[in-house]
PDB file of N, CA and C in Angstrom:
ATOM      1  N   UNK A   1     -48.590  23.575   6.109  1.00  0.00           N
ATOM      2  CA  UNK A   1     -48.573  22.174   6.499  1.00  0.00           C
ATOM      3  C   UNK A   1     -48.363  22.054   8.005  1.00  0.00           C
ATOM      4  N   UNK A   2     -49.078  21.129   8.595  1.00  0.00           N
ATOM      5  CA  UNK A   2     -48.829  20.894  10.015  1.00  0.00           C
ATOM      6  C   UNK A   2     -47.900  19.688  10.166  1.00  0.00           C
ATOM      7  N   UNK A   3     -47.546  19.357  11.377  1.00  0.00           N
ATOM      8  CA  UNK A   3     -46.579  18.293  11.652  1.00  0.00           C
ATOM      9  C   UNK A   3     -47.047  16.936  11.128  1.00  0.00           C
ATOM     10  N   UNK A   4     -48.316  16.634  11.247  1.00  0.00           N
ATOM     11  CA  UNK A   4     -48.841  15.344  10.781  1.00  0.00           C
ATOM     12  C   UNK A   4     -48.666  15.208   9.267  1.00  0.00           C
ATOM     13  N   UNK A   5     -48.949  16.264   8.516  1.00  0.00           N
ATOM     14  CA  UNK A   5     -48.777  16.229   7.066  1.00  0.00           C
ATOM     15  C   UNK A   5     -47.308  16.048   6.682  1.00  0.00           C
ATOM     16  N   UNK A   6     -46.416  16.687   7.376  1.00  0.00           N
ATOM     17  CA  UNK A   6     -44.984  16.568   7.085  1.00  0.00           C
ATOM     18  C   UNK A   6     -44.517  15.145   7.342  1.00  0.00           C
ATOM     19  N   UNK A   7     -44.948  14.527   8.443  1.00  0.00           N
ATOM     20  CA  UNK A   7     -44.566  13.152   8.744  1.00  0.00           C
ATOM     21  C   UNK A   7     -45.071  12.203   7.661  1.00  0.00           C
ATOM     22  N   UNK A   8     -46.267  12.422   7.169  1.00  0.00           N
ATOM     23  CA  UNK A   8     -46.825  11.569   6.120  1.00  0.00           C
ATOM     24  C   UNK A   8     -45.997  11.672   4.849  1.00  0.00           C
ATOM     25  N   UNK A   9     -45.542  12.862   4.502  1.00  0.00           N
ATOM     26  CA  UNK A   9     -44.724  13.053   3.309  1.00  0.00           C
ATOM     27  C   UNK A   9     -43.379  12.360   3.478  1.00  0.00           C
ATOM     28  N   UNK A  10     -42.754  12.501   4.616  1.00  0.00           N
ATOM     29  CA  UNK A  10     -41.461  11.874   4.874  1.00  0.00           C
ATOM     30  C   UNK A  10     -41.589  10.365   4.772  1.00  0.00           C
ATOM     31  N   UNK A  11     -42.645   9.784   5.324  1.00  0.00           N
ATOM     32  CA  UNK A  11     -42.831   8.332   5.285  1.00  0.00           C
ATOM     33  C   UNK A  11     -43.019   7.822   3.862  1.00  0.00           C
ATOM     34  N   UNK A  12     -43.707   8.536   3.012  1.00  0.00           N
ATOM     35  CA  UNK A  12     -43.960   8.069   1.654  1.00  0.00           C
ATOM     36  C   UNK A  12     -42.771   8.288   0.730  1.00  0.00           C
ATOM     37  N   UNK A  13     -41.831   9.140   1.110  1.00  0.00           N
ATOM     38  CA  UNK A  13     -40.696   9.435   0.252  1.00  0.00           C
ATOM     39  C   UNK A  13     -39.419   8.710   0.670  1.00  0.00           C
ATOM     40  N   UNK A  14     -39.529   7.691   1.499  1.00  0.00           N
ATOM     41  CA  UNK A  14     -38.349   6.961   1.959  1.00  0.00           C
ATOM     42  C   UNK A  14     -37.742   6.159   0.804  1.00  0.00           C
ATOM     43  N   UNK A  15     -36.434   6.274   0.651  1.00  0.00           N
ATOM     44  CA  UNK A  15     -35.706   5.413  -0.288  1.00  0.00           C
ATOM     45  C   UNK A  15     -35.336   4.170   0.507  1.00  0.00           C
ATOM     46  N   UNK A  16     -36.230   3.174   0.497  1.00  0.00           N
ATOM     47  CA  UNK A  16     -36.098   1.998   1.361  1.00  0.00           C
ATOM     48  C   UNK A  16     -34.764   1.276   1.183  1.00  0.00           C
ATOM     49  N   UNK A  17     -34.231   0.834   2.300  1.00  0.00           N
ATOM     50  CA  UNK A  17     -33.034  -0.008   2.347  1.00  0.00           C
ATOM     51  C   UNK A  17     -33.478  -1.244   3.116  1.00  0.00           C
ATOM     52  N   UNK A  18     -33.898  -2.272   2.376  1.00  0.00           N
ATOM     53  CA  UNK A  18     -34.530  -3.443   2.984  1.00  0.00           C
ATOM     54  C   UNK A  18     -33.520  -4.383   3.612  1.00  0.00           C
ATOM     55  N   UNK A  19     -33.758  -4.715   4.865  1.00  0.00           N
ATOM     56  CA  UNK A  19     -33.006  -5.733   5.591  1.00  0.00           C
ATOM     57  C   UNK A  19     -33.922  -6.955   5.603  1.00  0.00           C
ATOM     58  N   UNK A  20     -33.581  -7.980   4.824  1.00  0.00           N
ATOM     59  CA  UNK A  20     -34.455  -9.131   4.644  1.00  0.00           C
ATOM     60  C   UNK A  20     -33.908 -10.320   5.423  1.00  0.00           C
ATOM     61  N   UNK A  21     -34.795 -10.950   6.193  1.00  0.00           N
ATOM     62  CA  UNK A  21     -34.408 -12.097   7.008  1.00  0.00           C
ATOM     63  C   UNK A  21     -34.004 -13.265   6.113  1.00  0.00           C
ATOM     64  N   UNK A  22     -33.246 -14.191   6.671  1.00  0.00           N
ATOM     65  CA  UNK A  22     -32.843 -15.397   5.937  1.00  0.00           C
ATOM     66  C   UNK A  22     -34.080 -16.183   5.516  1.00  0.00           C
ATOM     67  N   UNK A  23     -34.010 -16.864   4.364  1.00  0.00           N
ATOM     68  CA  UNK A  23     -35.157 -17.635   3.887  1.00  0.00           C
ATOM     69  C   UNK A  23     -35.601 -18.690   4.896  1.00  0.00           C
ATOM     70  N   UNK A  24     -36.909 -18.730   5.106  1.00  0.00           N
ATOM     71  CA  UNK A  24     -37.513 -19.728   5.989  1.00  0.00           C
ATOM     72  C   UNK A  24     -38.947 -19.907   5.512  1.00  0.00           C
ATOM     73  N   UNK A  25     -39.133 -20.733   4.484  1.00  0.00           N
ATOM     74  CA  UNK A  25     -40.452 -20.886   3.888  1.00  0.00           C
ATOM     75  C   UNK A  25     -40.553 -20.066   2.616  1.00  0.00           C
ATOM     76  N   UNK A  26     -41.759 -19.899   2.113  1.00  0.00           N
ATOM     77  CA  UNK A  26     -41.933 -19.197   0.836  1.00  0.00           C
ATOM     78  C   UNK A  26     -41.712 -17.688   0.911  1.00  0.00           C
ATOM     79  N   UNK A  27     -41.823 -17.098   2.091  1.00  0.00           N
ATOM     80  CA  UNK A  27     -41.655 -15.654   2.252  1.00  0.00           C
ATOM     81  C   UNK A  27     -40.675 -15.356   3.382  1.00  0.00           C
ATOM     82  N   UNK A  28     -39.990 -14.210   3.274  1.00  0.00           N
ATOM     83  CA  UNK A  28     -39.129 -13.717   4.346  1.00  0.00           C
ATOM     84  C   UNK A  28     -39.574 -12.313   4.706  1.00  0.00           C
ATOM     85  N   UNK A  29     -39.482 -11.981   5.985  1.00  0.00           N
ATOM     86  CA  UNK A  29     -39.870 -10.662   6.450  1.00  0.00           C
ATOM     87  C   UNK A  29     -38.715  -9.689   6.215  1.00  0.00           C
ATOM     88  N   UNK A  30     -39.076  -8.502   5.740  1.00  0.00           N
ATOM     89  CA  UNK A  30     -38.086  -7.461   5.528  1.00  0.00           C
ATOM     90  C   UNK A  30     -38.470  -6.205   6.277  1.00  0.00           C
ATOM     91  N   UNK A  31     -37.481  -5.458   6.717  1.00  0.00           N
ATOM     92  CA  UNK A  31     -37.731  -4.197   7.412  1.00  0.00           C
ATOM     93  C   UNK A  31     -36.796  -3.143   6.839  1.00  0.00           C
ATOM     94  N   UNK A  32     -37.348  -1.970   6.547  1.00  0.00           N
ATOM     95  CA  UNK A  32     -36.540  -0.869   6.019  1.00  0.00           C
ATOM     96  C   UNK A  32     -35.636  -0.338   7.122  1.00  0.00           C
ATOM     97  N   UNK A  33     -34.366  -0.235   6.811  1.00  0.00           N
ATOM     98  CA  UNK A  33     -33.369   0.240   7.766  1.00  0.00           C
ATOM     99  C   UNK A  33     -33.608   1.712   8.119  1.00  0.00           C
ATOM    100  N   UNK A  34     -34.217   2.472   7.193  1.00  0.00           N
ATOM    101  CA  UNK A  34     -34.404   3.907   7.397  1.00  0.00           C
ATOM    102  C   UNK A  34     -35.703   4.249   8.125  1.00  0.00           C
ATOM    103  N   UNK A  35     -36.821   3.689   7.684  1.00  0.00           N
ATOM    104  CA  UNK A  35     -38.114   4.117   8.233  1.00  0.00           C
ATOM    105  C   UNK A  35     -38.819   3.048   9.077  1.00  0.00           C
ATOM    106  N   UNK A  36     -38.323   1.802   9.056  1.00  0.00           N
ATOM    107  CA  UNK A  36     -38.925   0.750   9.867  1.00  0.00           C
ATOM    108  C   UNK A  36     -40.126   0.066   9.239  1.00  0.00           C
ATOM    109  N   UNK A  37     -40.493   0.455   8.007  1.00  0.00           N
ATOM    110  CA  UNK A  37     -41.619  -0.198   7.337  1.00  0.00           C
ATOM    111  C   UNK A  37     -41.307  -1.690   7.180  1.00  0.00           C
ATOM    112  N   UNK A  38     -42.335  -2.525   7.338  1.00  0.00           N
ATOM    113  CA  UNK A  38     -42.162  -3.964   7.198  1.00  0.00           C
ATOM    114  C   UNK A  38     -42.897  -4.460   5.963  1.00  0.00           C
ATOM    115  N   UNK A  39     -42.346  -5.503   5.357  1.00  0.00           N
ATOM    116  CA  UNK A  39     -42.931  -6.073   4.140  1.00  0.00           C
ATOM    117  C   UNK A  39     -42.464  -7.519   4.021  1.00  0.00           C
ATOM    118  N   UNK A  40     -43.269  -8.351   3.340  1.00  0.00           N
ATOM    119  CA  UNK A  40     -42.864  -9.728   3.075  1.00  0.00           C
ATOM    120  C   UNK A  40     -42.322  -9.826   1.651  1.00  0.00           C
ATOM    121  N   UNK A  41     -41.262 -10.613   1.487  1.00  0.00           N
ATOM    122  CA  UNK A  41     -40.630 -10.820   0.190  1.00  0.00           C
ATOM    123  C   UNK A  41     -40.685 -12.296  -0.163  1.00  0.00           C
ATOM    124  N   UNK A  42     -41.004 -12.595  -1.420  1.00  0.00           N
ATOM    125  CA  UNK A  42     -41.002 -13.982  -1.898  1.00  0.00           C
ATOM    126  C   UNK A  42     -39.563 -14.500  -1.943  1.00  0.00           C
ATOM    127  N   UNK A  43     -39.384 -15.760  -1.587  1.00  0.00           N
ATOM    128  CA  UNK A  43     -38.049 -16.358  -1.628  1.00  0.00           C
ATOM    129  C   UNK A  43     -37.761 -17.058  -2.950  1.00  0.00           C
ATOM    130  N   UNK A  44     -38.734 -17.067  -3.851  1.00  0.00           N
ATOM    131  CA  UNK A  44     -38.505 -17.637  -5.177  1.00  0.00           C
ATOM    132  C   UNK A  44     -39.408 -16.921  -6.166  1.00  0.00           C
ATOM    133  N   UNK A  45     -39.065 -17.026  -7.419  1.00  0.00           N
ATOM    134  CA  UNK A  45     -39.873 -16.409  -8.461  1.00  0.00           C
ATOM    135  C   UNK A  45     -41.100 -17.265  -8.712  1.00  0.00           C
ATOM    136  N   UNK A  46     -42.198 -16.651  -9.119  1.00  0.00           N
ATOM    137  CA  UNK A  46     -43.381 -17.446  -9.458  1.00  0.00           C
ATOM    138  C   UNK A  46     -43.076 -18.349 -10.657  1.00  0.00           C
ATOM    139  N   UNK A  47     -43.791 -19.451 -10.738  1.00  0.00           N
ATOM    140  CA  UNK A  47     -43.569 -20.376 -11.850  1.00  0.00           C
ATOM    141  C   UNK A  47     -43.843 -19.694 -13.188  1.00  0.00           C
ATOM    142  N   UNK A  48     -42.961 -19.904 -14.115  1.00  0.00           N
ATOM    143  CA  UNK A  48     -43.158 -19.415 -15.473  1.00  0.00           C
ATOM    144  C   UNK A  48     -43.574 -20.589 -16.336  1.00  0.00           C
ATOM    145  N   UNK A  49     -43.930 -20.356 -17.550  1.00  0.00           N
ATOM    146  CA  UNK A  49     -44.326 -21.434 -18.449  1.00  0.00           C
ATOM    147  C   UNK A  49     -43.172 -22.442 -18.591  1.00  0.00           C
ATOM    148  N   UNK A  50     -41.936 -21.938 -18.653  1.00  0.00           N
ATOM    149  CA  UNK A  50     -40.766 -22.810 -18.781  1.00  0.00           C
ATOM    150  C   UNK A  50     -40.660 -23.721 -17.552  1.00  0.00           C
ATOM    151  N   UNK A  51     -40.800 -23.141 -16.360  1.00  0.00           N
ATOM    152  CA  UNK A  51     -40.717 -23.927 -15.129  1.00  0.00           C
ATOM    153  C   UNK A  51     -41.815 -24.979 -15.064  1.00  0.00           C
ATOM    154  N   UNK A  52     -43.018 -24.632 -15.478  1.00  0.00           N
ATOM    155  CA  UNK A  52     -44.135 -25.569 -15.442  1.00  0.00           C
ATOM    156  C   UNK A  52     -43.851 -26.764 -16.353  1.00  0.00           C
ATOM    157  N   UNK A  53     -43.288 -26.519 -17.534  1.00  0.00           N
ATOM    158  CA  UNK A  53     -42.959 -27.603 -18.464  1.00  0.00           C
ATOM    159  C   UNK A  53     -41.871 -28.496 -17.873  1.00  0.00           C
ATOM    160  N   UNK A  54     -40.904 -27.883 -17.214  1.00  0.00           N
ATOM    161  CA  UNK A  54     -39.825 -28.640 -16.584  1.00  0.00           C
ATOM    162  C   UNK A  54     -40.376 -29.513 -15.464  1.00  0.00           C
ATOM    163  N   UNK A  55     -41.296 -28.961 -14.660  1.00  0.00           N
ATOM    164  CA  UNK A  55     -41.894 -29.725 -13.569  1.00  0.00           C
ATOM    165  C   UNK A  55     -42.700 -30.907 -14.115  1.00  0.00           C
ATOM    166  N   UNK A  56     -43.422 -30.718 -15.226  1.00  0.00           N
ATOM    167  CA  UNK A  56     -44.169 -31.818 -15.845  1.00  0.00           C
ATOM    168  C   UNK A  56     -43.222 -32.922 -16.277  1.00  0.00           C
ATOM    169  N   UNK A  57     -42.103 -32.545 -16.877  1.00  0.00           N
ATOM    170  CA  UNK A  57     -41.125 -33.523 -17.339  1.00  0.00           C
ATOM    171  C   UNK A  57     -40.533 -34.291 -16.155  1.00  0.00           C
ATOM    172  N   UNK A  58     -40.232 -33.582 -15.060  1.00  0.00           N
ATOM    173  CA  UNK A  58     -39.693 -34.240 -13.877  1.00  0.00           C
ATOM    174  C   UNK A  58     -40.705 -35.224 -13.298  1.00  0.00           C
ATOM    175  N   UNK A  59     -41.952 -34.804 -13.202  1.00  0.00           N
ATOM    176  CA  UNK A  59     -43.005 -35.670 -12.667  1.00  0.00           C
ATOM    177  C   UNK A  59     -43.193 -36.904 -13.538  1.00  0.00           C
ATOM    178  N   UNK A  60     -43.155 -36.707 -14.843  1.00  0.00           N
ATOM    179  CA  UNK A  60     -43.319 -37.823 -15.771  1.00  0.00           C
ATOM    180  C   UNK A  60     -42.157 -38.803 -15.644  1.00  0.00           C
ATOM    181  N   UNK A  61     -40.950 -38.284 -15.461  1.00  0.00           N
ATOM    182  CA  UNK A  61     -39.774 -39.144 -15.331  1.00  0.00           C
ATOM    183  C   UNK A  61     -39.879 -40.007 -14.079  1.00  0.00           C
ATOM    184  N   UNK A  62     -40.389 -39.412 -13.012  1.00  0.00           N
ATOM    185  CA  UNK A  62     -40.534 -40.152 -11.753  1.00  0.00           C
ATOM    186  C   UNK A  62     -41.634 -41.205 -11.877  1.00  0.00           C
ATOM    187  N   UNK A  63     -42.741 -40.857 -12.529  1.00  0.00           N
ATOM    188  CA  UNK A  63     -43.865 -41.792 -12.633  1.00  0.00           C
ATOM    189  C   UNK A  63     -43.732 -42.756 -13.802  1.00  0.00           C
ATOM    190  N   UNK A  64     -42.819 -42.474 -14.715  1.00  0.00           N
ATOM    191  CA  UNK A  64     -42.617 -43.352 -15.862  1.00  0.00           C
ATOM    192  C   UNK A  64     -43.592 -43.098 -17.001  1.00  0.00           C
ATOM    193  N   UNK A  65     -44.338 -42.005 -16.924  1.00  0.00           N
ATOM    194  CA  UNK A  65     -45.302 -41.644 -17.971  1.00  0.00           C
ATOM    195  C   UNK A  65     -44.671 -40.601 -18.872  1.00  0.00           C
ATOM    196  N   UNK A  66     -44.831 -40.729 -20.181  1.00  0.00           N
ATOM    197  CA  UNK A  66     -44.273 -39.785 -21.129  1.00  0.00           C
ATOM    198  C   UNK A  66     -45.069 -38.484 -21.097  1.00  0.00           C
ATOM    199  N   UNK A  67     -44.407 -37.310 -20.923  1.00  0.00           N
ATOM    200  CA  UNK A  67     -45.146 -36.037 -20.882  1.00  0.00           C
ATOM    201  C   UNK A  67     -45.662 -35.636 -22.243  1.00  0.00           C
ATOM    202  N   UNK A  68     -46.838 -34.959 -22.239  1.00  0.00           N
ATOM    203  CA  UNK A  68     -47.382 -34.400 -23.475  1.00  0.00           C
ATOM    204  C   UNK A  68     -46.734 -33.050 -23.699  1.00  0.00           C
ATOM    205  N   UNK A  69     -46.230 -32.809 -24.898  1.00  0.00           N
ATOM    206  CA  UNK A  69     -45.556 -31.543 -25.186  1.00  0.00           C
ATOM    207  C   UNK A  69     -46.407 -30.669 -26.036  1.00  0.00           C
TER     208      UNK A  69
END
């Protein structure tokens, strides 16, 4: 193995320790404390079927229309 191959192996085997910025919008930027890799993290979970039903009920309550269940 040459030096370039060794560096590639080290980079792929990092046990990331993510330092994630404070929430500001739907995503926050994170940087690994060990290797410096950057990644975006969602600040909320994607809507589930339960959440969608709850949102329909909230919208109906505001508009005064009865939700279809």
